[in-house]
Amino acid sequence: MDLVTTNPIPPMPFYLIAGMSVASMVVGLCLRAAPLLKSIGVLAVLNPAGRQTLTLYLAHILLGMGVMDELGLLGGQTTQSAFLASGIFCALAVIYALIWSRFFKRGPIEALMRKVAG
């Protein structure tokens, strides 16, 4: 039995524990770095993306993963190519969110959810 695999979502306990651990560490580091990031103006750039998380999540699934699947880049990915793809998506997401937030208060999916949910 493999303890580590490169499948997109392997249903293995070590994978889940590792994912939760990294997510907790990233949240903790962000909370510790927030005052510094605010003082140098980085949070003003990142805040619009934070207000559009559902839109960006769906874009990452439909656009990011969809494009990579169509190009045949999902299977057998290296760590470097995965980091490159995620870095490109994150940069484009921040740019999109900044532009969108200049014209609208909420992201498109967030606005739809607000309209549907009341």
Protein backbone atom coordinates (compact mmCIF):
# COMPACT_ATOMS: atom_id res chain seq x y z
CA MET A 1 0.00 0.00 0.00
CA ASP A 2 1.31 3.44 -0.92
CA LEU A 3 1.57 5.94 1.91
CA VAL A 4 2.18 8.84 -0.46
CA THR A 5 0.67 9.31 -3.89
CA THR A 6 0.30 12.05 -6.48
CA ASN A 7 -3.38 11.45 -7.24
CA PRO A 8 -5.45 14.63 -7.01
CA ILE A 9 -7.39 13.64 -3.88
CA PRO A 10 -6.16 10.33 -2.46
CA PRO A 11 -8.47 9.08 0.30
CA MET A 12 -5.63 8.32 2.68
CA PRO A 13 -5.33 9.38 6.33
CA PHE A 14 -1.77 10.71 6.00
CA TYR A 15 -2.81 12.89 3.05
CA LEU A 16 -5.73 14.33 5.01
CA ILE A 17 -3.61 14.96 8.10
CA ALA A 18 -0.90 16.60 6.02
CA GLY A 19 -3.45 18.80 4.22
CA MET A 20 -5.08 19.93 7.46
CA SER A 21 -1.69 20.58 9.03
CA VAL A 22 -0.45 22.71 6.15
CA ALA A 23 -3.73 24.63 6.01
CA SER A 24 -3.55 25.35 9.76
CA MET A 25 0.06 26.45 9.45
CA VAL A 26 -0.73 28.80 6.55
CA VAL A 27 -3.66 30.36 8.44
CA GLY A 28 -1.46 30.84 11.51
CA LEU A 29 1.35 32.40 9.48
CA CYS A 30 -1.12 34.73 7.76
CA LEU A 31 -2.51 35.86 11.11
CA ARG A 32 0.99 36.51 12.44
CA ALA A 33 2.04 38.37 9.29
CA ALA A 34 -1.15 40.44 8.92
CA PRO A 35 0.05 43.52 10.84
CA LEU A 36 3.25 43.70 8.79
CA LEU A 37 1.41 43.07 5.51
CA LYS A 38 -1.10 45.79 6.40
CA SER A 39 1.62 48.31 7.18
CA ILE A 40 3.33 47.78 3.81
CA GLY A 41 0.05 47.81 1.84
CA VAL A 42 -0.09 44.18 0.76
CA LEU A 43 -3.45 43.51 2.43
CA ALA A 44 -5.12 46.21 0.34
CA VAL A 45 -4.11 44.22 -2.75
CA LEU A 46 -5.17 40.83 -1.36
CA ASN A 47 -8.47 41.85 0.31
CA PRO A 48 -10.57 41.84 -2.90
CA ALA A 49 -9.54 38.23 -3.58
CA GLY A 50 -10.50 37.34 -0.01
CA ARG A 51 -13.99 38.75 -0.59
CA GLN A 52 -14.44 36.59 -3.70
CA THR A 53 -13.42 33.19 -2.38
CA LEU A 54 -16.39 31.26 -3.80
CA THR A 55 -15.93 32.79 -7.24
CA LEU A 56 -12.21 32.08 -7.19
CA TYR A 57 -12.75 28.53 -5.91
CA LEU A 58 -15.13 27.76 -8.76
CA ALA A 59 -12.76 29.43 -11.24
CA HIS A 60 -9.91 27.26 -9.97
CA ILE A 61 -11.98 24.13 -10.55
CA LEU A 62 -13.62 25.08 -13.85
CA LEU A 63 -10.95 27.24 -15.46
CA GLY A 64 -7.70 26.22 -13.79
CA MET A 65 -8.21 22.48 -13.54
CA GLY A 66 -10.36 22.36 -16.67
CA VAL A 67 -7.73 24.04 -18.83
CA MET A 68 -4.98 21.86 -17.40
CA ASP A 69 -7.07 18.73 -18.02
CA GLU A 70 -7.74 19.74 -21.64
CA LEU A 71 -4.02 20.35 -22.16
CA GLY A 72 -3.23 16.96 -20.61
CA LEU A 73 -1.22 18.52 -17.76
CA LEU A 74 -2.99 17.00 -14.75
CA GLY A 75 -1.57 13.49 -14.80
CA GLY A 76 2.06 12.93 -13.83
CA GLN A 77 2.67 16.50 -12.70
CA THR A 78 5.95 17.41 -11.08
CA THR A 79 6.08 19.50 -7.93
CA GLN A 80 7.63 22.36 -9.90
CA SER A 81 4.88 22.40 -12.52
CA ALA A 82 2.20 22.25 -9.80
CA PHE A 83 3.73 25.25 -8.01
CA LEU A 84 4.08 27.12 -11.29
CA ALA A 85 0.44 26.48 -12.25
CA SER A 86 -0.84 27.47 -8.80
CA GLY A 87 1.36 30.58 -8.76
CA ILE A 88 0.06 31.69 -12.15
CA PHE A 89 -3.54 31.08 -11.07
CA CYS A 90 -3.06 32.99 -7.80
CA ALA A 91 -1.50 35.96 -9.58
CA LEU A 92 -4.29 36.06 -12.16
CA ALA A 93 -6.92 35.68 -9.42
CA VAL A 94 -5.55 38.64 -7.45
CA ILE A 95 -5.41 40.79 -10.60
CA TYR A 96 -8.95 39.79 -11.59
CA ALA A 97 -10.28 40.45 -8.06
CA LEU A 98 -8.65 43.89 -7.96
CA ILE A 99 -10.18 44.87 -11.28
CA TRP A 100 -13.61 43.41 -10.45
CA SER A 101 -13.70 45.16 -7.06
CA ARG A 102 -13.28 48.55 -8.69
CA PHE A 103 -16.68 48.14 -10.36
CA PHE A 104 -18.64 45.81 -8.05
CA LYS A 105 -18.92 45.31 -4.29
CA ARG A 106 -19.06 41.49 -4.46
CA GLY A 107 -17.77 38.79 -6.74
CA PRO A 108 -20.22 37.41 -9.35
CA ILE A 109 -20.94 34.15 -7.54
CA GLU A 110 -21.09 35.89 -4.15
CA ALA A 111 -23.65 38.36 -5.55
CA LEU A 112 -25.68 35.49 -7.01
CA MET A 113 -25.60 33.62 -3.69
CA ARG A 114 -26.69 36.76 -1.83
CA LYS A 115 -29.57 37.23 -4.26
CA VAL A 116 -30.66 33.57 -3.99
CA ALA A 117 -30.19 33.25 -0.22
CA GLY A 118 -31.60 36.68 0.61
